Amino acid sequence: MASLAEIRAKLAAMENKPSSNNSSSGGDNAIYPHWNIDEGTSATLRFLPDEDPNNTFFWVERQMIRLTFPGVKGGDMKPITVQVPCAEMYGDTCPVLTEVRPWFKDASLEDMGRKY
């Protein structure tokens, strides 16, 4: 298991790296942001053993893909966004990423690929 100094160094490196996936607002509240807890308050955290011995952190990243659709057929036509888990988290091939990754090699499709 990594030391606290190693975890802090890796987090600092990740914060300095530009990323388009940094969204901390919204969501389904399935993840409790314990790092934002107010001083003087308390929360109970439960740490479970990690099955991955190569994991530097004491958590597992949840990779979600946001898909926006124009609306529901026969219903309200306002845009609807759903989040689906990336199959690569489970060691499988992700059909969404398989489709989108080649878009970054084509300059005309790159902007559309950044939406995902």
PDB file of N, CA and C in Angstrom:
ATOM      1  N   MET A   1       0.849  -1.182   0.000  1.00  0.00           N
ATOM      2  CA  MET A   1       0.000   0.000   0.000  1.00  0.00           C
ATOM      3  C   MET A   1       0.890   1.239   0.000  1.00  0.00           C
ATOM      4  N   ALA A   2       0.470   2.251  -0.722  1.00  0.00           N
ATOM      5  CA  ALA A   2       1.244   3.481  -0.853  1.00  0.00           C
ATOM      6  C   ALA A   2       1.195   4.293   0.441  1.00  0.00           C
ATOM      7  N   SER A   3       2.256   5.048   0.670  1.00  0.00           N
ATOM      8  CA  SER A   3       2.296   5.910   1.842  1.00  0.00           C
ATOM      9  C   SER A   3       1.471   7.160   1.577  1.00  0.00           C
ATOM     10  N   LEU A   4       1.167   7.900   2.633  1.00  0.00           N
ATOM     11  CA  LEU A   4       0.381   9.124   2.501  1.00  0.00           C
ATOM     12  C   LEU A   4       1.115  10.150   1.629  1.00  0.00           C
ATOM     13  N   ALA A   5       2.424  10.219   1.743  1.00  0.00           N
ATOM     14  CA  ALA A   5       3.202  11.160   0.925  1.00  0.00           C
ATOM     15  C   ALA A   5       3.103  10.800  -0.558  1.00  0.00           C
ATOM     16  N   GLU A   6       3.123   9.504  -0.872  1.00  0.00           N
ATOM     17  CA  GLU A   6       3.001   9.068  -2.264  1.00  0.00           C
ATOM     18  C   GLU A   6       1.618   9.397  -2.823  1.00  0.00           C
ATOM     19  N   ILE A   7       0.593   9.209  -2.001  1.00  0.00           N
ATOM     20  CA  ILE A   7      -0.769   9.526  -2.430  1.00  0.00           C
ATOM     21  C   ILE A   7      -0.897  11.017  -2.693  1.00  0.00           C
ATOM     22  N   ARG A   8      -0.380  11.843  -1.776  1.00  0.00           N
ATOM     23  CA  ARG A   8      -0.453  13.299  -1.964  1.00  0.00           C
ATOM     24  C   ARG A   8       0.288  13.734  -3.221  1.00  0.00           C
ATOM     25  N   ALA A   9       1.456  13.140  -3.480  1.00  0.00           N
ATOM     26  CA  ALA A   9       2.230  13.503  -4.675  1.00  0.00           C
ATOM     27  C   ALA A   9       1.475  13.125  -5.943  1.00  0.00           C
ATOM     28  N   LYS A  10       0.867  11.961  -5.952  1.00  0.00           N
ATOM     29  CA  LYS A  10       0.124  11.537  -7.141  1.00  0.00           C
ATOM     30  C   LYS A  10      -1.111  12.405  -7.354  1.00  0.00           C
ATOM     31  N   LEU A  11      -1.809  12.773  -6.276  1.00  0.00           N
ATOM     32  CA  LEU A  11      -2.969  13.658  -6.388  1.00  0.00           C
ATOM     33  C   LEU A  11      -2.562  15.032  -6.907  1.00  0.00           C
ATOM     34  N   ALA A  12      -1.440  15.567  -6.418  1.00  0.00           N
ATOM     35  CA  ALA A  12      -0.959  16.869  -6.883  1.00  0.00           C
ATOM     36  C   ALA A  12      -0.624  16.818  -8.369  1.00  0.00           C
ATOM     37  N   ALA A  13      -0.022  15.735  -8.807  1.00  0.00           N
ATOM     38  CA  ALA A  13       0.309  15.584 -10.226  1.00  0.00           C
ATOM     39  C   ALA A  13      -0.958  15.496 -11.073  1.00  0.00           C
ATOM     40  N   MET A  14      -1.968  14.818 -10.559  1.00  0.00           N
ATOM     41  CA  MET A  14      -3.221  14.692 -11.300  1.00  0.00           C
ATOM     42  C   MET A  14      -3.963  16.019 -11.378  1.00  0.00           C
ATOM     43  N   GLU A  15      -3.884  16.841 -10.315  1.00  0.00           N
ATOM     44  CA  GLU A  15      -4.554  18.140 -10.313  1.00  0.00           C
ATOM     45  C   GLU A  15      -3.890  19.101 -11.286  1.00  0.00           C
ATOM     46  N   ASN A  16      -2.595  18.975 -11.477  1.00  0.00           N
ATOM     47  CA  ASN A  16      -1.870  19.869 -12.373  1.00  0.00           C
ATOM     48  C   ASN A  16      -2.027  19.481 -13.837  1.00  0.00           C
ATOM     49  N   LYS A  17      -2.441  18.243 -14.085  1.00  0.00           N
ATOM     50  CA  LYS A  17      -2.608  17.765 -15.457  1.00  0.00           C
ATOM     51  C   LYS A  17      -3.950  18.254 -15.989  1.00  0.00           C
ATOM     52  N   PRO A  18      -3.977  18.887 -17.184  1.00  0.00           N
ATOM     53  CA  PRO A  18      -5.262  19.342 -17.731  1.00  0.00           C
ATOM     54  C   PRO A  18      -6.144  18.158 -18.074  1.00  0.00           C
ATOM     55  N   SER A  19      -7.418  18.279 -17.729  1.00  0.00           N
ATOM     56  CA  SER A  19      -8.361  17.198 -17.994  1.00  0.00           C
ATOM     57  C   SER A  19      -9.723  17.781 -18.306  1.00  0.00           C
ATOM     58  N   SER A  20     -10.440  17.141 -19.212  1.00  0.00           N
ATOM     59  CA  SER A  20     -11.783  17.608 -19.565  1.00  0.00           C
ATOM     60  C   SER A  20     -12.853  16.892 -18.761  1.00  0.00           C
ATOM     61  N   ASN A  21     -12.465  15.983 -17.873  1.00  0.00           N
ATOM     62  CA  ASN A  21     -13.449  15.195 -17.135  1.00  0.00           C
ATOM     63  C   ASN A  21     -13.679  15.700 -15.722  1.00  0.00           C
ATOM     64  N   ASN A  22     -13.133  16.852 -15.357  1.00  0.00           N
ATOM     65  CA  ASN A  22     -13.257  17.340 -13.986  1.00  0.00           C
ATOM     66  C   ASN A  22     -14.629  17.944 -13.747  1.00  0.00           C
ATOM     67  N   SER A  23     -15.580  17.139 -13.346  1.00  0.00           N
ATOM     68  CA  SER A  23     -16.891  17.668 -12.990  1.00  0.00           C
ATOM     69  C   SER A  23     -17.196  17.206 -11.577  1.00  0.00           C
ATOM     70  N   SER A  24     -17.370  18.154 -10.669  1.00  0.00           N
ATOM     71  CA  SER A  24     -17.617  17.791  -9.289  1.00  0.00           C
ATOM     72  C   SER A  24     -19.015  18.184  -8.847  1.00  0.00           C
ATOM     73  N   SER A  25     -19.803  18.747  -9.729  1.00  0.00           N
ATOM     74  CA  SER A  25     -21.150  19.137  -9.353  1.00  0.00           C
ATOM     75  C   SER A  25     -22.143  18.131  -9.917  1.00  0.00           C
ATOM     76  N   GLY A  26     -23.298  18.091  -9.292  1.00  0.00           N
ATOM     77  CA  GLY A  26     -24.345  17.196  -9.774  1.00  0.00           C
ATOM     78  C   GLY A  26     -24.059  15.766  -9.379  1.00  0.00           C
ATOM     79  N   GLY A  27     -24.679  14.849 -10.076  1.00  0.00           N
ATOM     80  CA  GLY A  27     -24.456  13.441  -9.800  1.00  0.00           C
ATOM     81  C   GLY A  27     -25.582  12.851  -8.979  1.00  0.00           C
ATOM     82  N   ASP A  28     -25.434  11.589  -8.644  1.00  0.00           N
ATOM     83  CA  ASP A  28     -26.488  10.876  -7.937  1.00  0.00           C
ATOM     84  C   ASP A  28     -26.206  10.732  -6.450  1.00  0.00           C
ATOM     85  N   ASN A  29     -25.175  11.412  -5.942  1.00  0.00           N
ATOM     86  CA  ASN A  29     -24.788  11.376  -4.534  1.00  0.00           C
ATOM     87  C   ASN A  29     -24.383   9.984  -4.069  1.00  0.00           C
ATOM     88  N   ALA A  30     -23.980   9.112  -4.997  1.00  0.00           N
ATOM     89  CA  ALA A  30     -23.523   7.786  -4.616  1.00  0.00           C
ATOM     90  C   ALA A  30     -22.138   7.850  -3.983  1.00  0.00           C
ATOM     91  N   ILE A  31     -21.405   8.897  -4.278  1.00  0.00           N
ATOM     92  CA  ILE A  31     -20.076   9.088  -3.708  1.00  0.00           C
ATOM     93  C   ILE A  31     -20.133  10.256  -2.735  1.00  0.00           C
ATOM     94  N   TYR A  32     -19.723  10.042  -1.501  1.00  0.00           N
ATOM     95  CA  TYR A  32     -19.713  11.111  -0.504  1.00  0.00           C
ATOM     96  C   TYR A  32     -18.373  11.831  -0.559  1.00  0.00           C
ATOM     97  N   PRO A  33     -18.356  13.140  -0.830  1.00  0.00           N
ATOM     98  CA  PRO A  33     -17.080  13.868  -0.913  1.00  0.00           C
ATOM     99  C   PRO A  33     -16.518  14.162   0.480  1.00  0.00           C
ATOM    100  N   HIS A  34     -15.925  13.167   1.103  1.00  0.00           N
ATOM    101  CA  HIS A  34     -15.421  13.311   2.461  1.00  0.00           C
ATOM    102  C   HIS A  34     -14.331  14.368   2.575  1.00  0.00           C
ATOM    103  N   TRP A  35     -13.670  14.684   1.470  1.00  0.00           N
ATOM    104  CA  TRP A  35     -12.620  15.687   1.491  1.00  0.00           C
ATOM    105  C   TRP A  35     -13.190  17.100   1.622  1.00  0.00           C
ATOM    106  N   ASN A  36     -14.496  17.281   1.420  1.00  0.00           N
ATOM    107  CA  ASN A  36     -15.132  18.595   1.541  1.00  0.00           C
ATOM    108  C   ASN A  36     -15.898  18.770   2.841  1.00  0.00           C
ATOM    109  N   ILE A  37     -15.753  17.867   3.774  1.00  0.00           N
ATOM    110  CA  ILE A  37     -16.505  17.939   5.016  1.00  0.00           C
ATOM    111  C   ILE A  37     -16.085  19.187   5.792  1.00  0.00           C
ATOM    112  N   ASP A  38     -17.069  19.861   6.385  1.00  0.00           N
ATOM    113  CA  ASP A  38     -16.791  21.077   7.149  1.00  0.00           C
ATOM    114  C   ASP A  38     -16.026  20.745   8.418  1.00  0.00           C
ATOM    115  N   GLU A  39     -15.153  21.658   8.797  1.00  0.00           N
ATOM    116  CA  GLU A  39     -14.365  21.483  10.007  1.00  0.00           C
ATOM    117  C   GLU A  39     -15.294  21.505  11.214  1.00  0.00           C
ATOM    118  N   GLY A  40     -15.051  20.614  12.140  1.00  0.00           N
ATOM    119  CA  GLY A  40     -15.858  20.541  13.344  1.00  0.00           C
ATOM    120  C   GLY A  40     -17.053  19.606  13.228  1.00  0.00           C
ATOM    121  N   THR A  41     -17.293  19.052  12.046  1.00  0.00           N
ATOM    122  CA  THR A  41     -18.380  18.088  11.878  1.00  0.00           C
ATOM    123  C   THR A  41     -17.787  16.693  11.784  1.00  0.00           C
ATOM    124  N   SER A  42     -18.635  15.699  11.795  1.00  0.00           N
ATOM    125  CA  SER A  42     -18.123  14.335  11.732  1.00  0.00           C
ATOM    126  C   SER A  42     -18.886  13.530  10.694  1.00  0.00           C
ATOM    127  N   ALA A  43     -18.254  12.486  10.231  1.00  0.00           N
ATOM    128  CA  ALA A  43     -18.852  11.546   9.299  1.00  0.00           C
ATOM    129  C   ALA A  43     -18.215  10.190   9.545  1.00  0.00           C
ATOM    130  N   THR A  44     -18.962   9.142   9.319  1.00  0.00           N
ATOM    131  CA  THR A  44     -18.439   7.790   9.478  1.00  0.00           C
ATOM    132  C   THR A  44     -18.065   7.260   8.103  1.00  0.00           C
ATOM    133  N   LEU A  45     -16.825   6.854   7.954  1.00  0.00           N
ATOM    134  CA  LEU A  45     -16.332   6.282   6.705  1.00  0.00           C
ATOM    135  C   LEU A  45     -16.004   4.819   6.931  1.00  0.00           C
ATOM    136  N   ARG A  46     -16.249   4.012   5.931  1.00  0.00           N
ATOM    137  CA  ARG A  46     -15.932   2.589   6.016  1.00  0.00           C
ATOM    138  C   ARG A  46     -14.950   2.265   4.899  1.00  0.00           C
ATOM    139  N   PHE A  47     -13.772   1.802   5.244  1.00  0.00           N
ATOM    140  CA  PHE A  47     -12.754   1.431   4.272  1.00  0.00           C
ATOM    141  C   PHE A  47     -12.777  -0.082   4.099  1.00  0.00           C
ATOM    142  N   LEU A  48     -12.904  -0.504   2.860  1.00  0.00           N
ATOM    143  CA  LEU A  48     -12.928  -1.928   2.545  1.00  0.00           C
ATOM    144  C   LEU A  48     -11.597  -2.331   1.927  1.00  0.00           C
ATOM    145  N   PRO A  49     -11.211  -3.581   2.059  1.00  0.00           N
ATOM    146  CA  PRO A  49      -9.951  -4.013   1.455  1.00  0.00           C
ATOM    147  C   PRO A  49     -10.009  -3.896  -0.069  1.00  0.00           C
ATOM    148  N   ASP A  50      -8.906  -3.494  -0.649  1.00  0.00           N
ATOM    149  CA  ASP A  50      -8.820  -3.326  -2.097  1.00  0.00           C
ATOM    150  C   ASP A  50      -8.316  -4.620  -2.716  1.00  0.00           C
ATOM    151  N   GLU A  51      -9.005  -5.079  -3.767  1.00  0.00           N
ATOM    152  CA  GLU A  51      -8.592  -6.304  -4.440  1.00  0.00           C
ATOM    153  C   GLU A  51      -7.404  -6.082  -5.368  1.00  0.00           C
ATOM    154  N   ASP A  52      -7.129  -4.821  -5.694  1.00  0.00           N
ATOM    155  CA  ASP A  52      -6.035  -4.497  -6.610  1.00  0.00           C
ATOM    156  C   ASP A  52      -4.802  -4.078  -5.812  1.00  0.00           C
ATOM    157  N   PRO A  53      -3.775  -4.910  -5.723  1.00  0.00           N
ATOM    158  CA  PRO A  53      -2.588  -4.556  -4.940  1.00  0.00           C
ATOM    159  C   PRO A  53      -1.787  -3.413  -5.581  1.00  0.00           C
ATOM    160  N   ASN A  54      -2.047  -3.092  -6.851  1.00  0.00           N
ATOM    161  CA  ASN A  54      -1.326  -2.007  -7.530  1.00  0.00           C
ATOM    162  C   ASN A  54      -2.023  -0.664  -7.404  1.00  0.00           C
ATOM    163  N   ASN A  55      -3.145  -0.606  -6.714  1.00  0.00           N
ATOM    164  CA  ASN A  55      -3.884   0.643  -6.534  1.00  0.00           C
ATOM    165  C   ASN A  55      -3.145   1.530  -5.536  1.00  0.00           C
ATOM    166  N   THR A  56      -2.755   2.721  -5.977  1.00  0.00           N
ATOM    167  CA  THR A  56      -2.019   3.648  -5.120  1.00  0.00           C
ATOM    168  C   THR A  56      -2.915   4.226  -4.037  1.00  0.00           C
ATOM    169  N   PHE A  57      -4.160   4.479  -4.369  1.00  0.00           N
ATOM    170  CA  PHE A  57      -5.073   5.159  -3.454  1.00  0.00           C
ATOM    171  C   PHE A  57      -5.889   4.156  -2.645  1.00  0.00           C
ATOM    172  N   PHE A  58      -6.672   4.655  -1.721  1.00  0.00           N
ATOM    173  CA  PHE A  58      -7.541   3.791  -0.941  1.00  0.00           C
ATOM    174  C   PHE A  58      -8.975   3.850  -1.460  1.00  0.00           C
ATOM    175  N   TRP A  59      -9.144   4.258  -2.719  1.00  0.00           N
ATOM    176  CA  TRP A  59     -10.444   4.265  -3.379  1.00  0.00           C
ATOM    177  C   TRP A  59     -10.271   3.756  -4.800  1.00  0.00           C
ATOM    178  N   VAL A  60     -11.393   3.475  -5.451  1.00  0.00           N
ATOM    179  CA  VAL A  60     -11.392   3.024  -6.834  1.00  0.00           C
ATOM    180  C   VAL A  60     -12.119   4.081  -7.653  1.00  0.00           C
ATOM    181  N   GLU A  61     -11.499   4.496  -8.735  1.00  0.00           N
ATOM    182  CA  GLU A  61     -12.115   5.508  -9.582  1.00  0.00           C
ATOM    183  C   GLU A  61     -13.316   4.919 -10.314  1.00  0.00           C
ATOM    184  N   ARG A  62     -14.379   5.678 -10.334  1.00  0.00           N
ATOM    185  CA  ARG A  62     -15.590   5.261 -11.040  1.00  0.00           C
ATOM    186  C   ARG A  62     -15.631   6.012 -12.364  1.00  0.00           C
ATOM    187  N   GLN A  63     -15.477   5.307 -13.473  1.00  0.00           N
ATOM    188  CA  GLN A  63     -15.441   5.919 -14.794  1.00  0.00           C
ATOM    189  C   GLN A  63     -16.835   5.856 -15.399  1.00  0.00           C
ATOM    190  N   MET A  64     -17.447   7.027 -15.536  1.00  0.00           N
ATOM    191  CA  MET A  64     -18.803   7.110 -16.070  1.00  0.00           C
ATOM    192  C   MET A  64     -18.774   7.875 -17.394  1.00  0.00           C
ATOM    193  N   ILE A  65     -19.646   7.483 -18.301  1.00  0.00           N
ATOM    194  CA  ILE A  65     -19.774   8.144 -19.596  1.00  0.00           C
ATOM    195  C   ILE A  65     -21.141   8.807 -19.628  1.00  0.00           C
ATOM    196  N   ARG A  66     -21.138  10.103 -19.947  1.00  0.00           N
ATOM    197  CA  ARG A  66     -22.390  10.863 -20.031  1.00  0.00           C
ATOM    198  C   ARG A  66     -22.866  10.866 -21.475  1.00  0.00           C
ATOM    199  N   LEU A  67     -24.089  10.434 -21.685  1.00  0.00           N
ATOM    200  CA  LEU A  67     -24.694  10.411 -23.012  1.00  0.00           C
ATOM    201  C   LEU A  67     -25.928  11.306 -23.000  1.00  0.00           C
ATOM    202  N   THR A  68     -25.994  12.253 -23.931  1.00  0.00           N
ATOM    203  CA  THR A  68     -27.134  13.166 -24.017  1.00  0.00           C
ATOM    204  C   THR A  68     -27.972  12.802 -25.230  1.00  0.00           C
ATOM    205  N   PHE A  69     -29.273  12.686 -25.007  1.00  0.00           N
ATOM    206  CA  PHE A  69     -30.227  12.368 -26.057  1.00  0.00           C
ATOM    207  C   PHE A  69     -31.185  13.541 -26.216  1.00  0.00           C
ATOM    208  N   PRO A  70     -31.738  13.732 -27.438  1.00  0.00           N
ATOM    209  CA  PRO A  70     -32.595  14.896 -27.670  1.00  0.00           C
ATOM    210  C   PRO A  70     -33.920  14.863 -26.914  1.00  0.00           C
ATOM    211  N   GLY A  71     -34.379  13.742 -26.447  1.00  0.00           N
ATOM    212  CA  GLY A  71     -35.627  13.668 -25.696  1.00  0.00           C
ATOM    213  C   GLY A  71     -36.203  12.275 -25.744  1.00  0.00           C
ATOM    214  N   VAL A  72     -37.396  12.124 -25.213  1.00  0.00           N
ATOM    215  CA  VAL A  72     -38.079  10.840 -25.178  1.00  0.00           C
ATOM    216  C   VAL A  72     -39.135  10.832 -26.269  1.00  0.00           C
ATOM    217  N   LYS A  73     -39.112   9.820 -27.111  1.00  0.00           N
ATOM    218  CA  LYS A  73     -40.079   9.713 -28.204  1.00  0.00           C
ATOM    219  C   LYS A  73     -41.492   9.600 -27.634  1.00  0.00           C
ATOM    220  N   GLY A  74     -42.377  10.461 -28.137  1.00  0.00           N
ATOM    221  CA  GLY A  74     -43.754  10.455 -27.659  1.00  0.00           C
ATOM    222  C   GLY A  74     -43.938  11.190 -26.347  1.00  0.00           C
ATOM    223  N   GLY A  75     -42.882  11.803 -25.852  1.00  0.00           N
ATOM    224  CA  GLY A  75     -42.970  12.520 -24.583  1.00  0.00           C
ATOM    225  C   GLY A  75     -42.309  13.872 -24.679  1.00  0.00           C
ATOM    226  N   ASP A  76     -41.798  14.315 -23.570  1.00  0.00           N
ATOM    227  CA  ASP A  76     -41.131  15.612 -23.494  1.00  0.00           C
ATOM    228  C   ASP A  76     -39.883  15.597 -24.368  1.00  0.00           C
ATOM    229  N   MET A  77     -39.681  16.634 -25.164  1.00  0.00           N
ATOM    230  CA  MET A  77     -38.543  16.663 -26.076  1.00  0.00           C
ATOM    231  C   MET A  77     -37.382  17.501 -25.541  1.00  0.00           C
ATOM    232  N   LYS A  78     -37.264  17.656 -24.234  1.00  0.00           N
ATOM    233  CA  LYS A  78     -36.091  18.345 -23.699  1.00  0.00           C
ATOM    234  C   LYS A  78     -34.944  17.340 -23.631  1.00  0.00           C
ATOM    235  N   PRO A  79     -33.707  17.813 -23.788  1.00  0.00           N
ATOM    236  CA  PRO A  79     -32.550  16.898 -23.762  1.00  0.00           C
ATOM    237  C   PRO A  79     -32.460  16.129 -22.444  1.00  0.00           C
ATOM    238  N   ILE A  80     -32.111  14.872 -22.554  1.00  0.00           N
ATOM    239  CA  ILE A  80     -31.967  13.997 -21.392  1.00  0.00           C
ATOM    240  C   ILE A  80     -30.550  13.446 -21.389  1.00  0.00           C
ATOM    241  N   THR A  81     -29.886  13.539 -20.241  1.00  0.00           N
ATOM    242  CA  THR A  81     -28.533  13.021 -20.096  1.00  0.00           C
ATOM    243  C   THR A  81     -28.556  11.838 -19.145  1.00  0.00           C
ATOM    244  N   VAL A  82     -27.955  10.743 -19.571  1.00  0.00           N
ATOM    245  CA  VAL A  82     -27.826   9.558 -18.721  1.00  0.00           C
ATOM    246  C   VAL A  82     -26.340   9.265 -18.535  1.00  0.00           C
ATOM    247  N   GLN A  83     -26.022   8.650 -17.422  1.00  0.00           N
ATOM    248  CA  GLN A  83     -24.647   8.237 -17.159  1.00  0.00           C
ATOM    249  C   GLN A  83     -24.599   6.721 -17.144  1.00  0.00           C
ATOM    250  N   VAL A  84     -23.637   6.172 -17.878  1.00  0.00           N
ATOM    251  CA  VAL A  84     -23.460   4.728 -17.920  1.00  0.00           C
ATOM    252  C   VAL A  84     -22.029   4.403 -17.496  1.00  0.00           C
ATOM    253  N   PRO A  85     -21.829   3.313 -16.788  1.00  0.00           N
ATOM    254  CA  PRO A  85     -20.466   2.956 -16.395  1.00  0.00           C
ATOM    255  C   PRO A  85     -19.661   2.494 -17.605  1.00  0.00           C
ATOM    256  N   CYS A  86     -18.397   2.865 -17.616  1.00  0.00           N
ATOM    257  CA  CYS A  86     -17.489   2.443 -18.682  1.00  0.00           C
ATOM    258  C   CYS A  86     -17.123   0.974 -18.444  1.00  0.00           C
ATOM    259  N   ALA A  87     -17.251   0.169 -19.486  1.00  0.00           N
ATOM    260  CA  ALA A  87     -16.967  -1.265 -19.361  1.00  0.00           C
ATOM    261  C   ALA A  87     -15.496  -1.537 -19.083  1.00  0.00           C
ATOM    262  N   GLU A  88     -14.613  -0.570 -19.380  1.00  0.00           N
ATOM    263  CA  GLU A  88     -13.180  -0.767 -19.119  1.00  0.00           C
ATOM    264  C   GLU A  88     -12.877  -0.861 -17.624  1.00  0.00           C
ATOM    265  N   MET A  89     -13.779  -0.354 -16.782  1.00  0.00           N
ATOM    266  CA  MET A  89     -13.582  -0.487 -15.334  1.00  0.00           C
ATOM    267  C   MET A  89     -13.588  -1.948 -14.918  1.00  0.00           C
ATOM    268  N   TYR A  90     -14.273  -2.776 -15.712  1.00  0.00           N
ATOM    269  CA  TYR A  90     -14.432  -4.188 -15.380  1.00  0.00           C
ATOM    270  C   TYR A  90     -13.560  -5.096 -16.244  1.00  0.00           C
ATOM    271  N   GLY A  91     -12.628  -4.474 -16.999  1.00  0.00           N
ATOM    272  CA  GLY A  91     -11.710  -5.244 -17.820  1.00  0.00           C
ATOM    273  C   GLY A  91     -12.256  -5.629 -19.183  1.00  0.00           C
ATOM    274  N   ASP A  92     -13.439  -5.120 -19.539  1.00  0.00           N
ATOM    275  CA  ASP A  92     -14.046  -5.410 -20.842  1.00  0.00           C
ATOM    276  C   ASP A  92     -13.752  -4.275 -21.817  1.00  0.00           C
ATOM    277  N   THR A  93     -14.071  -4.487 -23.078  1.00  0.00           N
ATOM    278  CA  THR A  93     -13.949  -3.451 -24.087  1.00  0.00           C
ATOM    279  C   THR A  93     -15.182  -2.560 -24.019  1.00  0.00           C
ATOM    280  N   CYS A  94     -14.975  -1.256 -23.957  1.00  0.00           N
ATOM    281  CA  CYS A  94     -16.085  -0.300 -23.876  1.00  0.00           C
ATOM    282  C   CYS A  94     -16.514   0.079 -25.294  1.00  0.00           C
ATOM    283  N   PRO A  95     -17.758  -0.226 -25.682  1.00  0.00           N
ATOM    284  CA  PRO A  95     -18.198   0.095 -27.043  1.00  0.00           C
ATOM    285  C   PRO A  95     -18.243   1.599 -27.320  1.00  0.00           C
ATOM    286  N   VAL A  96     -18.517   2.405 -26.305  1.00  0.00           N
ATOM    287  CA  VAL A  96     -18.559   3.861 -26.501  1.00  0.00           C
ATOM    288  C   VAL A  96     -17.160   4.381 -26.795  1.00  0.00           C
ATOM    289  N   LEU A  97     -16.187   3.996 -25.991  1.00  0.00           N
ATOM    290  CA  LEU A  97     -14.816   4.468 -26.206  1.00  0.00           C
ATOM    291  C   LEU A  97     -14.217   3.888 -27.485  1.00  0.00           C
ATOM    292  N   THR A  98     -14.604   2.670 -27.850  1.00  0.00           N
ATOM    293  CA  THR A  98     -14.139   2.080 -29.103  1.00  0.00           C
ATOM    294  C   THR A  98     -14.586   2.928 -30.286  1.00  0.00           C
ATOM    295  N   GLU A  99     -15.780   3.481 -30.209  1.00  0.00           N
ATOM    296  CA  GLU A  99     -16.309   4.334 -31.273  1.00  0.00           C
ATOM    297  C   GLU A  99     -15.681   5.727 -31.252  1.00  0.00           C
ATOM    298  N   VAL A 100     -15.509   6.290 -30.061  1.00  0.00           N
ATOM    299  CA  VAL A 100     -15.099   7.690 -29.943  1.00  0.00           C
ATOM    300  C   VAL A 100     -13.587   7.895 -30.100  1.00  0.00           C
ATOM    301  N   ARG A 101     -12.767   6.990 -29.640  1.00  0.00           N
ATOM    302  CA  ARG A 101     -11.308   7.188 -29.691  1.00  0.00           C
ATOM    303  C   ARG A 101     -10.766   7.488 -31.092  1.00  0.00           C
ATOM    304  N   PRO A 102     -11.228   6.810 -32.156  1.00  0.00           N
ATOM    305  CA  PRO A 102     -10.714   7.147 -33.495  1.00  0.00           C
ATOM    306  C   PRO A 102     -11.077   8.565 -33.950  1.00  0.00           C
ATOM    307  N   TRP A 103     -12.084   9.163 -33.352  1.00  0.00           N
ATOM    308  CA  TRP A 103     -12.472  10.517 -33.734  1.00  0.00           C
ATOM    309  C   TRP A 103     -11.351  11.509 -33.465  1.00  0.00           C
ATOM    310  N   PHE A 104     -10.508  11.240 -32.487  1.00  0.00           N
ATOM    311  CA  PHE A 104      -9.426  12.158 -32.138  1.00  0.00           C
ATOM    312  C   PHE A 104      -8.304  12.133 -33.173  1.00  0.00           C
ATOM    313  N   LYS A 105      -8.307  11.142 -34.056  1.00  0.00           N
ATOM    314  CA  LYS A 105      -7.315  11.080 -35.130  1.00  0.00           C
ATOM    315  C   LYS A 105      -7.781  11.840 -36.364  1.00  0.00           C
ATOM    316  N   ASP A 106      -9.057  12.206 -36.396  1.00  0.00           N
ATOM    317  CA  ASP A 106      -9.643  12.957 -37.509  1.00  0.00           C
ATOM    318  C   ASP A 106      -9.980  14.361 -36.999  1.00  0.00           C
ATOM    319  N   ALA A 107      -9.331  15.387 -37.557  1.00  0.00           N
ATOM    320  CA  ALA A 107      -9.510  16.761 -37.082  1.00  0.00           C
ATOM    321  C   ALA A 107     -10.962  17.225 -37.193  1.00  0.00           C
ATOM    322  N   SER A 108     -11.705  16.742 -38.178  1.00  0.00           N
ATOM    323  CA  SER A 108     -13.085  17.175 -38.337  1.00  0.00           C
ATOM    324  C   SER A 108     -14.014  16.575 -37.290  1.00  0.00           C
ATOM    325  N   LEU A 109     -13.623  15.472 -36.666  1.00  0.00           N
ATOM    326  CA  LEU A 109     -14.455  14.825 -35.656  1.00  0.00           C
ATOM    327  C   LEU A 109     -13.968  15.066 -34.224  1.00  0.00           C
ATOM    328  N   GLU A 110     -12.814  15.699 -34.081  1.00  0.00           N
ATOM    329  CA  GLU A 110     -12.207  15.854 -32.759  1.00  0.00           C
ATOM    330  C   GLU A 110     -13.094  16.641 -31.803  1.00  0.00           C
ATOM    331  N   ASP A 111     -13.708  17.738 -32.273  1.00  0.00           N
ATOM    332  CA  ASP A 111     -14.580  18.526 -31.399  1.00  0.00           C
ATOM    333  C   ASP A 111     -15.777  17.711 -30.915  1.00  0.00           C
ATOM    334  N   MET A 112     -16.335  16.898 -31.785  1.00  0.00           N
ATOM    335  CA  MET A 112     -17.457  16.056 -31.389  1.00  0.00           C
ATOM    336  C   MET A 112     -16.990  14.999 -30.368  1.00  0.00           C
ATOM    337  N   GLY A 113     -15.773  14.482 -30.534  1.00  0.00           N
ATOM    338  CA  GLY A 113     -15.247  13.505 -29.596  1.00  0.00           C
ATOM    339  C   GLY A 113     -15.016  14.072 -28.207  1.00  0.00           C
ATOM    340  N   ARG A 114     -14.727  15.351 -28.117  1.00  0.00           N
ATOM    341  CA  ARG A 114     -14.497  15.988 -26.804  1.00  0.00           C
ATOM    342  C   ARG A 114     -15.770  16.137 -26.000  1.00  0.00           C
ATOM    343  N   LYS A 115     -16.923  16.002 -26.619  1.00  0.00           N
ATOM    344  CA  LYS A 115     -18.186  16.094 -25.897  1.00  0.00           C
ATOM    345  C   LYS A 115     -18.392  14.883 -24.996  1.00  0.00           C
ATOM    346  N   TYR A 116     -17.715  13.786 -25.294  1.00  0.00           N
ATOM    347  CA  TYR A 116     -17.884  12.578 -24.507  1.00  0.00           C
ATOM    348  C   TYR A 116     -16.739  12.422 -23.557  1.00  0.00           C
TER     349      TYR A 116
END
